[in-house]
Amino acid sequence: MSSISVPIKLVNLQDDGFHLLVEIVVFKQSVLAVLDTGASRSVFDEAFVRQHIGDLEPTIETEATTLFSTSSTFLILIPRIKIGRLKLKDYHAVALNLEAVNLAYANLGLPPVVGIIGSDLLLKYGGVINYRKMKLYLKRI
């Protein structure tokens, strides 16, 4: 198993803590995602996903709590995700409305995010965060 090093960026939430952002490629677009070790699953913004997939079917579990709100969820299959040199095919995730997250980010002068990378992905790929080097390390499996 080889290790992959991915740069991360620490953003200040103006005296309300910090978030880690990581650049990922989804639907052939380079976008930002929050790296959230407290999130049980990785999620992607419903509006962003609808631009690429179209109609979404609600999940049986119709609600999920994000960093800022609770909303309906949709199970999705993303054909390809790239995080640094790690390439994931046919990735099962959840889509939900991240509008509240991005509104809060905009109010803080931060760039929008299209996803939240959660513990499902971090656990599967042995994610290690090095705050001194501002790197996320993942292992190919």
Protein backbone atom coordinates (compact mmCIF):
# COMPACT_ATOMS: atom_id res chain seq x y z
CA MET A 1 0.00 0.00 0.00
CA SER A 2 1.39 3.35 -0.98
CA SER A 3 0.63 6.56 0.86
CA ILE A 4 -0.82 9.61 -0.87
CA SER A 5 -0.18 13.12 0.42
CA VAL A 6 -2.92 15.68 -0.22
CA PRO A 7 -2.58 19.39 0.68
CA ILE A 8 -5.24 20.76 3.00
CA LYS A 9 -6.10 24.32 3.96
CA LEU A 10 -7.11 25.52 7.42
CA VAL A 11 -9.80 28.23 7.37
CA ASN A 12 -10.69 30.37 10.37
CA LEU A 13 -14.39 30.60 11.16
CA GLN A 14 -13.86 33.96 12.92
CA ASP A 15 -13.50 32.90 16.55
CA ASP A 16 -15.91 29.99 16.09
CA GLY A 17 -13.26 27.39 15.30
CA PHE A 18 -11.62 26.12 12.15
CA HIS A 19 -12.44 23.92 9.19
CA LEU A 20 -10.12 21.97 6.95
CA LEU A 21 -10.68 22.21 3.20
CA VAL A 22 -9.39 19.78 0.61
CA GLU A 23 -9.46 20.10 -3.16
CA ILE A 24 -11.15 17.19 -4.92
CA VAL A 25 -12.23 16.42 -8.48
CA VAL A 26 -15.88 15.38 -8.91
CA PHE A 27 -17.72 15.20 -12.23
CA LYS A 28 -14.44 16.35 -13.84
CA GLN A 29 -14.53 19.63 -11.87
CA SER A 30 -11.95 20.74 -9.32
CA VAL A 31 -13.92 21.79 -6.22
CA LEU A 32 -13.48 22.24 -2.47
CA ALA A 33 -14.79 19.94 0.25
CA VAL A 34 -14.73 20.22 4.03
CA LEU A 35 -12.68 17.51 5.71
CA ASP A 36 -14.86 16.50 8.68
CA THR A 37 -13.73 13.66 10.94
CA GLY A 38 -16.98 14.03 12.90
CA ALA A 39 -19.17 13.35 9.86
CA SER A 40 -20.15 9.69 9.66
CA ARG A 41 -20.61 9.79 5.86
CA SER A 42 -19.30 11.81 2.98
CA VAL A 43 -21.94 14.06 1.43
CA PHE A 44 -22.21 16.24 -1.65
CA ASP A 45 -24.31 19.29 -2.36
CA GLU A 46 -27.68 18.35 -3.84
CA ALA A 47 -27.74 21.26 -6.33
CA PHE A 48 -24.24 20.41 -7.58
CA VAL A 49 -25.12 16.73 -7.96
CA ARG A 50 -28.39 17.51 -9.79
CA GLN A 51 -26.38 19.43 -12.42
CA HIS A 52 -24.59 16.19 -13.27
CA ILE A 53 -26.99 13.37 -12.40
CA GLY A 54 -30.47 14.87 -12.77
CA ASP A 55 -33.38 13.42 -10.79
CA LEU A 56 -32.58 12.04 -7.35
CA GLU A 57 -34.55 9.50 -5.32
CA PRO A 58 -34.97 10.23 -1.59
CA THR A 59 -33.44 7.71 0.80
CA ILE A 60 -35.43 5.84 3.43
CA GLU A 61 -33.49 7.82 6.02
CA THR A 62 -34.92 11.13 4.88
CA GLU A 63 -32.96 13.44 7.13
CA ALA A 64 -29.32 14.02 7.96
CA THR A 65 -27.64 16.58 10.12
CA THR A 66 -24.79 18.56 8.60
CA LEU A 67 -22.50 21.14 10.11
CA PHE A 68 -25.29 23.73 10.21
CA SER A 69 -28.68 22.19 9.46
CA THR A 70 -30.87 19.16 8.86
CA SER A 71 -32.26 18.31 5.44
CA SER A 72 -33.54 15.53 3.18
CA THR A 73 -30.96 13.16 1.78
CA PHE A 74 -30.51 11.25 -1.47
CA LEU A 75 -28.32 8.21 -2.11
CA ILE A 76 -26.06 8.81 -5.10
CA LEU A 77 -23.40 7.00 -7.07
CA ILE A 78 -20.55 9.20 -8.22
CA PRO A 79 -18.68 7.60 -11.13
CA ARG A 80 -15.29 9.02 -10.16
CA ILE A 81 -13.77 11.09 -7.37
CA LYS A 82 -10.15 12.14 -7.23
CA ILE A 83 -8.50 13.25 -3.98
CA GLY A 84 -4.89 14.03 -4.74
CA ARG A 85 -3.63 10.94 -6.56
CA LEU A 86 -6.31 8.71 -4.98
CA LYS A 87 -8.93 7.79 -7.58
CA LEU A 88 -12.24 6.33 -6.44
CA LYS A 89 -14.66 4.70 -8.88
CA ASP A 90 -18.40 4.22 -8.36
CA TYR A 91 -18.40 5.93 -4.98
CA HIS A 92 -21.63 5.63 -2.98
CA ALA A 93 -22.41 8.84 -1.13
CA VAL A 94 -25.26 11.01 0.03
CA ALA A 95 -26.52 14.24 -1.55
CA LEU A 96 -28.12 16.91 0.60
CA ASN A 97 -28.66 20.63 0.57
CA LEU A 98 -25.45 22.42 1.60
CA GLU A 99 -26.91 25.88 0.95
CA ALA A 100 -26.75 26.81 4.66
CA VAL A 101 -23.09 25.76 4.82
CA ASN A 102 -22.22 27.86 1.78
CA LEU A 103 -24.23 30.84 3.01
CA ALA A 104 -22.29 30.75 6.28
CA TYR A 105 -19.04 30.42 4.32
CA ALA A 106 -19.96 33.37 2.06
CA ASN A 107 -20.73 35.50 5.13
CA LEU A 108 -17.20 34.74 6.36
CA GLY A 109 -15.64 35.51 2.97
CA LEU A 110 -14.80 31.85 2.36
CA PRO A 111 -15.11 29.95 -0.94
CA PRO A 112 -18.09 27.61 -1.46
CA VAL A 113 -17.79 23.86 -0.91
CA VAL A 114 -19.58 21.08 -2.76
CA GLY A 115 -18.95 18.29 -0.31
CA ILE A 116 -18.02 17.09 3.12
CA ILE A 117 -15.47 14.28 3.28
CA GLY A 118 -16.47 12.15 6.25
CA SER A 119 -15.19 9.30 8.35
CA ASP A 120 -16.43 6.62 5.95
CA LEU A 121 -13.81 7.63 3.41
CA LEU A 122 -11.15 8.52 5.99
CA LEU A 123 -11.48 5.16 7.75
CA LYS A 124 -11.48 3.10 4.55
CA TYR A 125 -8.34 4.81 3.23
CA GLY A 126 -6.49 5.16 6.55
CA GLY A 127 -6.78 8.96 6.64
CA VAL A 128 -4.24 10.78 8.79
CA ILE A 129 -4.24 14.56 9.17
CA ASN A 130 -0.93 16.28 9.83
CA TYR A 131 -1.71 19.80 11.02
CA ARG A 132 1.92 20.95 11.06
CA LYS A 133 2.46 20.03 7.42
CA MET A 134 -1.17 20.79 6.42
CA LYS A 135 -1.42 17.44 4.67
CA LEU A 136 -3.96 14.62 4.54
CA TYR A 137 -2.39 11.21 4.09
CA LEU A 138 -4.44 8.41 2.52
CA LYS A 139 -3.50 4.83 1.62
CA ARG A 140 -4.41 3.14 -1.64
CA ILE A 141 -6.12 -0.18 -1.10
